[in-house]
Protein backbone atom coordinates (compact mmCIF):
# COMPACT_ATOMS: atom_id res chain seq x y z
CA MET A 1 -2.22 32.26 6.54
CA SER A 2 -0.33 34.89 8.13
CA LYS A 3 1.58 37.43 6.32
CA THR A 4 4.81 36.26 7.73
CA ALA A 5 4.20 32.75 6.64
CA SER A 6 3.07 34.04 3.10
CA ALA A 7 6.62 36.14 2.97
CA LEU A 8 8.16 33.10 3.57
CA LEU A 9 7.15 31.35 0.46
CA ARG A 10 8.81 34.05 -1.68
CA ARG A 11 12.18 33.36 -0.09
CA SER A 12 14.62 31.18 -1.45
CA ASP A 13 14.57 27.31 -1.39
CA GLU A 14 17.11 27.25 1.44
CA GLU A 15 15.32 29.91 3.50
CA VAL A 16 12.08 28.02 3.02
CA ALA A 17 13.54 24.99 4.06
CA VAL A 18 15.05 26.34 7.17
CA GLY A 19 12.11 28.34 7.99
CA LEU A 20 9.37 25.86 7.80
CA MET A 21 11.33 23.06 9.48
CA THR A 22 12.04 25.44 12.42
CA SER A 23 8.13 25.55 12.55
CA LEU A 24 7.22 22.09 11.97
CA ALA A 25 9.86 19.73 13.07
CA GLY A 26 8.62 19.39 16.77
CA LEU A 27 5.35 18.92 15.62
CA LEU A 28 5.87 16.41 12.89
CA ARG A 29 8.16 14.21 15.13
CA GLU A 30 5.41 13.73 17.62
CA TRP A 31 2.81 13.45 14.77
CA LEU A 32 4.13 11.26 12.33
CA PRO A 33 4.72 8.08 14.25
CA ARG A 34 0.99 8.08 15.29
CA GLN A 35 -0.15 7.77 11.68
CA ARG A 36 -0.97 4.42 10.21
CA TRP A 37 0.66 4.89 7.20
CA PHE A 38 4.26 5.77 8.85
CA ALA A 39 6.66 3.19 8.36
CA GLY A 40 9.01 3.98 11.29
CA LYS A 41 6.86 3.35 14.04
CA ASP A 42 9.43 1.11 15.93
CA ARG A 43 12.27 3.70 15.48
CA PRO A 44 12.50 7.29 16.89
CA VAL A 45 12.54 10.23 13.90
CA THR A 46 16.16 11.77 14.63
CA ASP A 47 16.12 13.79 11.54
CA LEU A 48 13.51 15.64 9.47
CA ALA A 49 14.56 17.65 6.09
CA LEU A 50 12.37 19.35 3.72
CA LEU A 51 12.69 18.14 0.26
CA SER A 52 9.93 20.22 -1.70
CA MET A 53 7.38 22.55 -0.67
CA THR A 54 4.41 23.97 -2.82
CA GLU A 55 1.59 26.03 -1.93
CA LEU A 56 -1.31 24.40 -3.53
CA TYR A 57 -3.60 27.44 -2.45
CA PRO A 58 -3.65 29.78 0.18
CA GLY A 59 -3.58 27.95 3.54
CA CYS A 60 -2.52 24.66 2.02
CA LEU A 61 0.91 23.61 1.71
CA HIS A 62 2.05 20.46 -0.19
CA LEU A 63 5.37 18.98 1.48
CA LEU A 64 7.71 16.12 0.75
CA VAL A 65 9.52 15.33 3.96
CA HIS A 66 12.52 13.15 4.67
CA THR A 67 12.62 11.40 7.88
CA GLY A 68 15.70 9.73 9.23
CA HIS A 69 15.94 6.93 11.53
CA PRO A 70 19.05 5.36 13.47
CA SER A 71 20.65 2.32 12.53
CA HIS A 72 18.03 1.40 9.80
CA THR A 73 18.42 0.88 5.93
CA GLY A 74 15.11 2.01 4.62
CA HIS A 75 13.92 2.03 1.05
CA GLY A 76 13.04 5.20 -0.73
CA GLY A 77 14.99 7.35 1.64
CA VAL A 78 16.51 10.64 0.36
CA PRO A 79 19.55 12.37 2.10
CA ALA A 80 18.71 15.72 3.64
CA PRO A 81 20.02 18.47 1.16
CA GLY A 82 23.67 19.67 2.00
CA GLY A 83 23.92 17.26 4.75
CA THR A 84 25.44 13.57 5.70
CA PRO A 85 22.85 10.93 3.85
CA SER A 86 20.53 9.69 6.47
CA ALA A 87 18.61 6.28 6.13
CA GLY A 88 14.78 6.89 6.29
CA ASP A 89 11.71 7.40 4.11
CA CYS A 90 10.15 10.47 2.05
CA TYR A 91 6.58 11.17 2.97
CA GLN A 92 3.71 13.18 1.17
CA LEU A 93 2.05 15.80 3.60
CA LEU A 94 -0.54 18.21 2.72
CA LEU A 95 -0.60 20.71 5.65
CA GLY A 96 -3.56 23.15 6.31
CA VAL A 97 -2.35 26.37 8.23
CA ARG A 98 -4.88 28.57 10.07
CA GLU A 99 -4.92 31.44 12.54
CA HIS A 100 -7.00 29.75 14.93
CA PRO A 101 -8.07 26.25 15.72
CA VAL A 102 -11.33 24.97 14.09
CA PRO A 103 -13.43 22.47 16.40
CA ARG A 104 -14.74 20.61 13.38
CA LEU A 105 -11.07 19.57 12.37
CA ALA A 106 -10.12 18.44 15.81
CA ARG A 107 -9.40 14.93 14.48
CA ALA A 108 -7.00 16.48 11.82
CA LEU A 109 -4.84 18.53 14.30
CA ILE A 110 -1.31 18.29 14.27
CA GLY A 111 -0.58 21.15 16.72
CA GLN A 112 0.37 24.70 16.78
CA ALA A 113 3.83 26.12 15.88
CA HIS A 114 5.76 27.89 18.61
CA GLU A 115 8.59 28.80 16.62
CA GLY A 116 9.63 30.20 13.13
CA PRO A 117 7.50 31.78 10.53
CA LEU A 118 4.46 29.87 11.60
CA ALA A 119 4.58 30.52 15.42
CA GLY A 120 1.21 30.99 16.33
CA LEU A 121 -0.56 29.35 13.67
CA THR A 122 -2.42 26.11 13.89
CA VAL A 123 -1.25 23.12 11.61
CA TYR A 124 -3.59 20.40 10.71
CA ASP A 125 -3.95 17.39 8.08
CA ALA A 126 -5.49 19.17 5.21
CA LEU A 127 -7.07 15.97 3.62
CA TYR A 128 -9.52 16.12 6.46
CA ASP A 129 -10.78 19.62 5.52
CA PRO A 130 -13.64 19.41 2.90
CA ARG A 131 -12.64 22.65 1.13
CA SER A 132 -9.11 21.35 0.84
CA ALA A 133 -10.32 18.05 -0.63
CA GLU A 134 -12.51 20.02 -3.02
CA LEU A 135 -9.91 22.29 -4.18
CA LEU A 136 -7.51 19.28 -4.75
CA LEU A 137 -10.11 17.75 -6.99
CA GLU A 138 -10.21 20.78 -8.94
CA ARG A 139 -6.41 20.75 -9.63
CA LEU A 140 -7.31 17.10 -11.07
CA ARG A 141 -10.10 18.24 -13.16
CA HIS A 142 -8.11 20.81 -14.89
CA PRO A 143 -4.66 19.40 -15.60
CA GLY A 144 -1.63 21.68 -15.39
CA SER A 145 1.26 22.67 -13.10
CA ALA A 146 1.96 23.96 -9.49
CA GLY A 147 5.78 24.27 -9.09
CA PRO A 148 7.05 20.92 -9.16
CA LEU A 149 3.56 19.07 -9.17
CA ARG A 150 2.05 17.95 -12.35
CA PHE A 151 -1.81 17.22 -12.69
CA GLU A 152 -2.75 14.92 -15.49
CA ALA A 153 -5.96 13.18 -16.65
CA ASP A 154 -7.25 10.84 -19.19
CA PRO A 155 -8.43 12.82 -22.06
CA GLY A 156 -11.65 10.92 -22.34
CA ALA A 157 -12.60 11.34 -18.72
CA ARG A 158 -15.22 13.92 -17.41
CA VAL A 159 -15.17 14.54 -13.76
CA PRO A 160 -18.09 16.36 -12.43
CA ALA A 161 -17.57 19.31 -10.23
CA ARG A 162 -18.49 20.02 -6.90
CA LEU A 163 -18.50 16.16 -5.80
CA ALA A 164 -18.60 16.06 -1.78
CA PRO A 165 -15.41 14.57 -0.24
CA ARG A 166 -14.93 12.30 2.72
CA LEU A 167 -11.97 10.77 4.04
CA LEU A 168 -12.08 6.91 4.46
CA ASP A 169 -11.47 6.14 7.99
CA ALA A 170 -10.17 2.63 7.23
CA GLU A 171 -6.68 1.99 8.51
CA GLN A 172 -4.36 1.91 5.54
CA SER A 173 -0.82 2.63 4.23
CA ASN A 174 -2.09 5.71 2.33
CA SER A 175 -4.90 7.98 2.52
CA SER A 176 -8.08 7.74 0.31
CA LEU A 177 -10.86 10.53 -0.57
CA VAL A 178 -14.12 9.60 -1.95
CA TYR A 179 -15.89 12.11 -4.09
CA GLY A 180 -19.55 11.80 -4.35
CA ASP A 181 -19.44 8.01 -4.25
CA GLU A 182 -18.08 8.34 -7.87
CA TYR A 183 -14.69 8.47 -7.45
CA ILE A 184 -11.76 7.41 -5.04
CA LEU A 185 -8.47 9.57 -4.74
CA LYS A 186 -5.44 7.41 -3.38
CA VAL A 187 -3.11 9.78 -1.92
CA PHE A 188 0.35 7.94 -1.50
CA ARG A 189 2.02 8.89 1.67
CA ARG A 190 5.53 7.07 1.30
CA ILE A 191 7.04 8.23 -1.81
CA GLN A 192 9.69 6.37 -3.96
CA PRO A 193 11.24 7.45 -7.31
CA GLY A 194 9.45 6.18 -10.13
CA VAL A 195 6.05 5.48 -11.44
CA ASN A 196 3.81 3.81 -8.89
CA PRO A 197 2.58 0.44 -9.91
CA ASP A 198 -1.26 1.52 -8.79
CA LEU A 199 -1.05 4.21 -11.69
CA GLU A 200 0.91 1.96 -14.17
CA VAL A 201 -0.65 -1.44 -13.63
CA PRO A 202 -4.65 -0.27 -13.90
CA GLY A 203 -3.85 2.07 -16.88
CA ALA A 204 -2.08 -0.74 -18.52
CA LEU A 205 -4.92 -3.24 -17.78
CA ALA A 206 -7.42 -0.89 -19.06
CA LYS A 207 -5.87 -0.89 -22.36
CA GLN A 208 -6.01 -4.78 -22.36
CA GLY A 209 -9.78 -4.29 -21.98
CA CYS A 210 -9.68 -6.03 -18.63
CA GLY A 211 -12.76 -5.10 -16.75
CA ARG A 212 -11.75 -6.48 -13.37
CA VAL A 213 -9.47 -3.31 -12.51
CA PRO A 214 -10.89 0.16 -12.15
CA ALA A 215 -9.13 2.25 -14.71
CA PRO A 216 -7.07 5.51 -13.66
CA VAL A 217 -9.13 8.81 -14.53
CA ALA A 218 -6.59 11.29 -13.25
CA TRP A 219 -3.29 11.56 -11.24
CA PHE A 220 -0.81 13.77 -9.82
CA ARG A 221 3.16 13.50 -9.80
CA THR A 222 6.25 15.43 -8.71
CA THR A 223 9.56 16.14 -10.47
CA ASP A 224 11.30 17.32 -7.43
CA PRO A 225 13.43 16.07 -5.53
CA PHE A 226 12.89 13.13 -8.06
CA PRO A 227 10.26 11.88 -10.41
CA ALA A 228 7.53 10.29 -8.32
CA THR A 229 3.57 9.42 -8.40
CA LEU A 230 1.73 11.15 -5.72
CA GLY A 231 -1.91 10.06 -6.23
CA VAL A 232 -4.48 8.32 -8.51
CA LEU A 233 -8.06 8.92 -8.91
CA GLN A 234 -10.31 6.14 -10.09
CA PRO A 235 -13.82 5.19 -10.21
CA PHE A 236 -15.52 4.33 -7.17
CA LEU A 237 -17.77 1.18 -6.64
CA PRO A 238 -20.27 2.52 -3.87
CA ASP A 239 -22.27 -0.76 -3.59
CA ALA A 240 -19.27 -2.95 -3.39
CA SER A 241 -18.15 -4.96 -0.50
CA ASP A 242 -14.61 -6.02 0.01
CA GLY A 243 -13.81 -9.83 0.28
CA TRP A 244 -12.75 -9.59 3.87
CA THR A 245 -15.99 -8.05 5.33
CA LEU A 246 -18.06 -10.57 2.89
CA ALA A 247 -15.86 -13.51 4.37
CA LEU A 248 -16.30 -12.60 7.89
CA GLY A 249 -20.24 -12.17 7.24
CA ALA A 250 -20.39 -15.64 5.83
CA LEU A 251 -18.37 -17.06 8.79
CA ALA A 252 -20.78 -15.38 11.47
CA ALA A 253 -23.73 -16.76 9.51
CA GLY A 254 -22.19 -20.12 9.45
CA GLN A 255 -22.62 -19.90 5.54
CA ASP A 256 -20.50 -21.48 2.95
CA PHE A 257 -18.10 -19.21 1.04
CA THR A 258 -16.88 -21.65 -1.89
CA ALA A 259 -18.98 -20.25 -4.50
CA GLN A 260 -17.51 -16.90 -4.09
CA ALA A 261 -14.06 -18.17 -3.48
CA ARG A 262 -14.35 -20.13 -6.77
CA GLU A 263 -15.42 -16.93 -8.85
CA LEU A 264 -12.61 -14.92 -7.05
CA GLY A 265 -9.99 -17.57 -8.33
CA ARG A 266 -11.48 -17.25 -11.85
CA ALA A 267 -11.01 -13.30 -11.47
CA THR A 268 -7.66 -13.64 -10.32
CA ALA A 269 -6.54 -15.86 -13.07
CA GLU A 270 -8.34 -13.34 -15.61
CA VAL A 271 -6.23 -10.49 -13.93
CA HIS A 272 -2.94 -12.51 -14.36
CA LEU A 273 -3.66 -13.14 -17.93
CA ALA A 274 -4.18 -9.67 -18.74
CA LEU A 275 -1.06 -8.85 -17.00
CA ALA A 276 0.86 -11.44 -18.81
CA SER A 277 -0.30 -9.76 -22.21
CA ALA A 278 0.30 -6.05 -20.90
CA PHE A 279 3.88 -6.54 -19.68
CA PRO A 280 6.98 -8.34 -20.85
CA ALA A 281 7.16 -11.75 -19.39
CA GLY A 282 10.06 -12.95 -17.08
CA ALA A 283 12.16 -16.10 -17.13
CA HIS A 284 10.69 -19.43 -16.54
CA ASP A 285 13.51 -20.88 -13.97
CA GLU A 286 14.11 -18.45 -11.12
CA ASN A 287 13.72 -20.76 -8.44
CA ALA A 288 17.38 -20.38 -7.08
CA ARG A 289 17.12 -16.59 -7.02
CA THR A 290 13.68 -16.66 -5.23
CA ALA A 291 14.85 -19.38 -2.69
CA VAL A 292 17.86 -17.10 -1.65
CA ALA A 293 15.72 -13.85 -1.30
CA MET A 294 13.09 -15.92 0.82
CA THR A 295 15.72 -17.17 3.20
CA GLU A 296 17.18 -13.61 3.56
CA ARG A 297 13.75 -12.52 4.53
CA LEU A 298 13.28 -15.33 6.81
CA ASP A 299 16.51 -14.63 8.65
CA ALA A 300 15.82 -10.97 8.88
CA ALA A 301 12.44 -11.44 10.32
CA ALA A 302 13.93 -14.12 13.00
CA ARG A 303 16.21 -11.21 14.00
CA SER A 304 13.36 -9.07 14.68
CA VAL A 305 10.92 -11.55 16.19
CA PRO A 306 12.11 -14.13 18.70
CA ALA A 307 9.13 -16.16 18.60
CA LEU A 308 10.12 -16.88 14.87
CA ARG A 309 13.55 -18.35 15.51
CA PRO A 310 12.64 -22.07 16.82
CA TYR A 311 10.91 -22.61 13.48
CA VAL A 312 13.73 -21.23 11.00
CA PRO A 313 15.14 -24.72 10.34
CA GLY A 314 11.96 -26.25 9.56
CA LEU A 315 10.90 -23.14 7.37
CA ARG A 316 14.10 -23.25 5.46
CA THR A 317 13.35 -26.74 4.23
CA ALA A 318 10.50 -25.04 2.06
CA PHE A 319 12.84 -22.77 0.52
CA ARG A 320 15.55 -25.36 -0.21
CA ALA A 321 12.92 -27.40 -1.96
CA LEU A 322 12.39 -24.67 -4.45
CA LEU A 323 15.75 -25.62 -6.10
CA ALA A 324 14.51 -29.11 -7.07
CA CYS A 325 10.59 -28.57 -7.88
CA ASP A 326 8.98 -27.70 -10.93
CA PRO A 327 9.62 -24.04 -11.82
CA GLY A 328 5.95 -23.44 -12.54
CA PRO A 329 4.61 -20.76 -14.94
CA PRO A 330 6.88 -18.00 -16.08
CA ALA A 331 7.37 -14.84 -14.03
CA GLN A 332 5.38 -11.81 -14.81
CA ARG A 333 3.86 -8.80 -13.27
CA VAL A 334 1.53 -9.60 -10.40
CA HIS A 335 -0.62 -7.93 -7.99
CA GLY A 336 2.09 -8.37 -5.18
CA ASP A 337 -0.17 -7.95 -2.29
CA LEU A 338 -3.16 -10.03 -2.87
CA HIS A 339 -5.68 -10.79 -0.16
CA LEU A 340 -9.23 -10.53 0.53
CA GLY A 341 -9.24 -6.93 1.74
CA GLN A 342 -7.72 -6.11 -2.03
CA VAL A 343 -10.65 -7.41 -3.76
CA LEU A 344 -14.35 -5.84 -4.16
CA ARG A 345 -17.54 -7.81 -5.04
CA ALA A 346 -20.38 -5.60 -6.72
CA GLY A 347 -23.12 -7.56 -7.77
CA PRO A 348 -22.01 -10.80 -9.07
CA GLU A 349 -18.68 -9.64 -10.03
CA TRP A 350 -15.18 -9.50 -8.12
CA PHE A 351 -12.76 -6.59 -8.91
CA VAL A 352 -9.25 -6.24 -7.73
CA ILE A 353 -7.68 -2.91 -6.39
CA ASP A 354 -4.52 -1.58 -4.80
CA PHE A 355 -1.53 -2.75 -6.98
CA GLU A 356 0.82 -0.87 -5.05
CA GLY A 357 2.29 -4.10 -3.67
CA GLU A 358 3.83 -4.46 -0.18
CA PRO A 359 4.77 -0.84 0.80
CA SER A 360 7.51 -2.10 2.66
CA ARG A 361 9.27 -3.74 -0.30
CA PRO A 362 11.48 -1.43 -2.86
CA LEU A 363 9.49 0.10 -5.72
CA ALA A 364 11.67 -1.71 -8.26
CA GLU A 365 11.16 -4.99 -6.80
CA ARG A 366 7.23 -4.57 -6.60
CA CYS A 367 7.51 -3.31 -10.37
CA GLY A 368 9.50 -6.38 -11.26
CA THR A 369 8.21 -9.85 -12.46
CA GLN A 370 7.29 -12.53 -10.01
CA SER A 371 5.62 -15.85 -10.03
CA PRO A 372 1.87 -15.60 -10.12
CA VAL A 373 1.88 -18.25 -7.38
CA ARG A 374 2.84 -15.45 -4.99
CA ASP A 375 -0.60 -13.74 -5.38
CA ILE A 376 -2.62 -17.15 -5.06
CA ALA A 377 -0.57 -17.87 -1.79
CA GLY A 378 -1.50 -14.36 -0.50
CA MET A 379 -5.15 -15.26 -0.95
CA LEU A 380 -4.89 -18.71 0.50
CA ARG A 381 -3.41 -17.04 3.64
CA SER A 382 -6.26 -14.65 3.63
CA PHE A 383 -8.80 -17.10 3.83
CA ASP A 384 -6.85 -18.81 6.97
CA TYR A 385 -6.80 -15.12 8.49
CA ALA A 386 -10.64 -14.83 8.11
CA ALA A 387 -11.27 -18.47 9.48
CA ARG A 388 -9.43 -17.61 12.63
CA GLN A 389 -11.47 -14.40 13.43
CA ARG A 390 -13.96 -16.46 15.20
CA ARG A 391 -13.74 -19.10 17.79
CA PRO A 392 -13.71 -22.04 17.61
CA TRP A 393 -11.35 -21.61 14.68
CA ARG A 394 -13.02 -23.09 11.37
CA PRO A 395 -10.04 -24.77 9.76
CA GLU A 396 -12.68 -26.96 7.62
CA TRP A 397 -14.05 -23.44 6.23
CA ALA A 398 -10.58 -22.33 5.03
CA ARG A 399 -9.65 -25.70 3.52
CA ARG A 400 -12.83 -25.57 1.42
CA CYS A 401 -12.29 -21.97 0.35
CA ARG A 402 -8.82 -22.65 -0.54
CA GLU A 403 -9.67 -25.76 -2.59
CA ALA A 404 -12.50 -23.60 -4.29
CA TYR A 405 -10.35 -20.68 -5.07
CA CYS A 406 -7.56 -22.88 -6.58
CA ALA A 407 -10.25 -24.79 -8.67
CA GLY A 408 -11.56 -21.49 -9.94
CA TYR A 409 -8.24 -20.26 -10.87
CA ALA A 410 -7.56 -23.38 -12.93
CA ALA A 411 -10.75 -23.43 -14.83
CA ARG A 412 -9.57 -19.98 -16.40
CA ALA A 413 -5.76 -20.46 -16.38
CA ASP A 414 -3.98 -23.20 -18.33
CA TRP A 415 -2.54 -24.60 -15.08
CA ASP A 416 -3.62 -25.75 -11.75
CA PRO A 417 -2.05 -24.25 -8.45
CA ARG A 418 -2.74 -27.52 -6.67
CA GLU A 419 -0.34 -29.32 -8.89
CA LYS A 420 2.63 -26.81 -7.88
CA HIS A 421 2.82 -28.08 -4.34
CA GLY A 422 6.42 -27.28 -3.56
CA LEU A 423 6.13 -23.65 -5.36
CA LEU A 424 2.80 -22.91 -3.23
CA ARG A 425 4.13 -23.99 0.11
CA ALA A 426 7.36 -21.92 -0.61
CA TYR A 427 5.10 -18.85 -1.17
CA GLU A 428 2.88 -19.51 1.54
CA THR A 429 5.81 -19.75 3.85
CA ASP A 430 7.30 -16.65 2.64
CA ARG A 431 3.96 -14.85 2.99
CA ALA A 432 3.29 -16.11 6.64
CA VAL A 433 7.02 -14.90 7.61
CA TYR A 434 6.11 -11.33 6.07
CA GLU A 435 2.80 -11.70 8.21
CA VAL A 436 4.55 -12.28 11.42
CA LEU A 437 7.23 -9.33 11.04
CA TYR A 438 4.12 -7.15 9.99
CA GLU A 439 1.87 -8.11 13.11
CA ALA A 440 4.83 -8.04 15.49
CA ARG A 441 5.24 -4.24 14.59
CA HIS A 442 1.76 -3.17 13.91
CA ARG A 443 -0.74 -5.52 15.69
CA PRO A 444 0.69 -7.93 18.30
CA ASP A 445 -2.53 -9.16 19.35
CA TRP A 446 -2.90 -10.64 15.95
CA LEU A 447 0.40 -12.38 15.97
CA PRO A 448 -0.79 -15.73 16.95
CA VAL A 449 -2.72 -15.87 13.44
CA PRO A 450 0.35 -16.17 11.37
CA MET A 451 2.55 -18.01 13.97
CA ALA A 452 -0.14 -20.76 13.74
CA ALA A 453 0.71 -21.27 9.93
CA ILE A 454 4.39 -21.16 10.66
CA GLU A 455 4.09 -23.89 13.00
CA ARG A 456 2.16 -25.83 10.65
CA LEU A 457 4.51 -25.19 7.78
CA ALA A 458 7.79 -25.77 9.48
CA VAL A 459 6.81 -28.91 11.35
CA ARG A 460 4.25 -30.45 9.09
CA GLY A 461 5.57 -28.97 5.78
CA ASP A 462 2.04 -28.54 4.23
């Protein structure tokens, strides 16, 4: 880092914020919307404000940046200091600053600053730099503080030194570093106040003795501008395959997947039972409140996706039916975004990962109690997604998987999802509406997949 940039770090907070954003604002306005984890792709970035800055080590800056968008009410947004509150989001960035571009870091390039104290310096995403990734692990191996950042670990964990890092290429809503095929560090990108459920839930399940979820080994958090979780280190399962890959492989080979689906249903039930023991239960009869929330989400999605509008009257019947149907099992903590990509199979066992929930929803909602039927509906929709990846579509394959999954769940739990038809239809409908909105924003070519379910659920009601 240049002497000018180093001197900047010794100035007052206000001077740091103004100076850094003078150098970075133009680069970040171009770079952020291109990132898979950036939630505001459909809206221009109108405001950028530095909320927190820490020099982790020479040449690497840890930033929390607020992005503002016009005419949008987001979750997790924080107003710019000293300015008018602006709707938007808070993002975690780890930025490397170098005198000259480095060819091996071409994929990580953000750009060259032309103004302010970083003028003439090259800025890149530091998570792509093996040296930066190694130093980040060292921080986690030796708990302590760096400015507002707190690095903490399980006292019984012993993470080896000098584990080679690699950044996973898979598109996701966060960034993940694998260290030596032994540990995986999830670095949260979109930051909201509070304890992230992907730290809270696996930690609680570990205390319950639930072996279906890898336990946290170390984590880091911040106290400024608000308390929040920034990243979690967990054991990595190097020989595991995710459920989505396994399902597509079975489809491509013309193989049955019902045995795996049945075991996955049992694993889901075991995790739900452990969650019910680890966290306080919610109320039994929440169907009225749930129906209102689902209807509101449907109306909001229909305003954004015109293709959904003709089906709205039919879809509303699924939510109205909640008012008269069996309330089902009591509300409890759940996964919140369960699908085939959130489960891993290592040998004969299924493991459940990524308890962050749907990132688009407020953290308070994701940490609340909900019906376990929501997780079941998410997995049933995932079987349908898999079956539609090859032509001709294999509806019978999906039906058998759905049946086997529910049978496996019922064998371990004390209730059968297939007997909760009204609940299951409502939660599947709500999930399909979410999928429509997601695909319309991020993967328009995939929109026909959830729209086929929307048509089925609205017209036939099954």
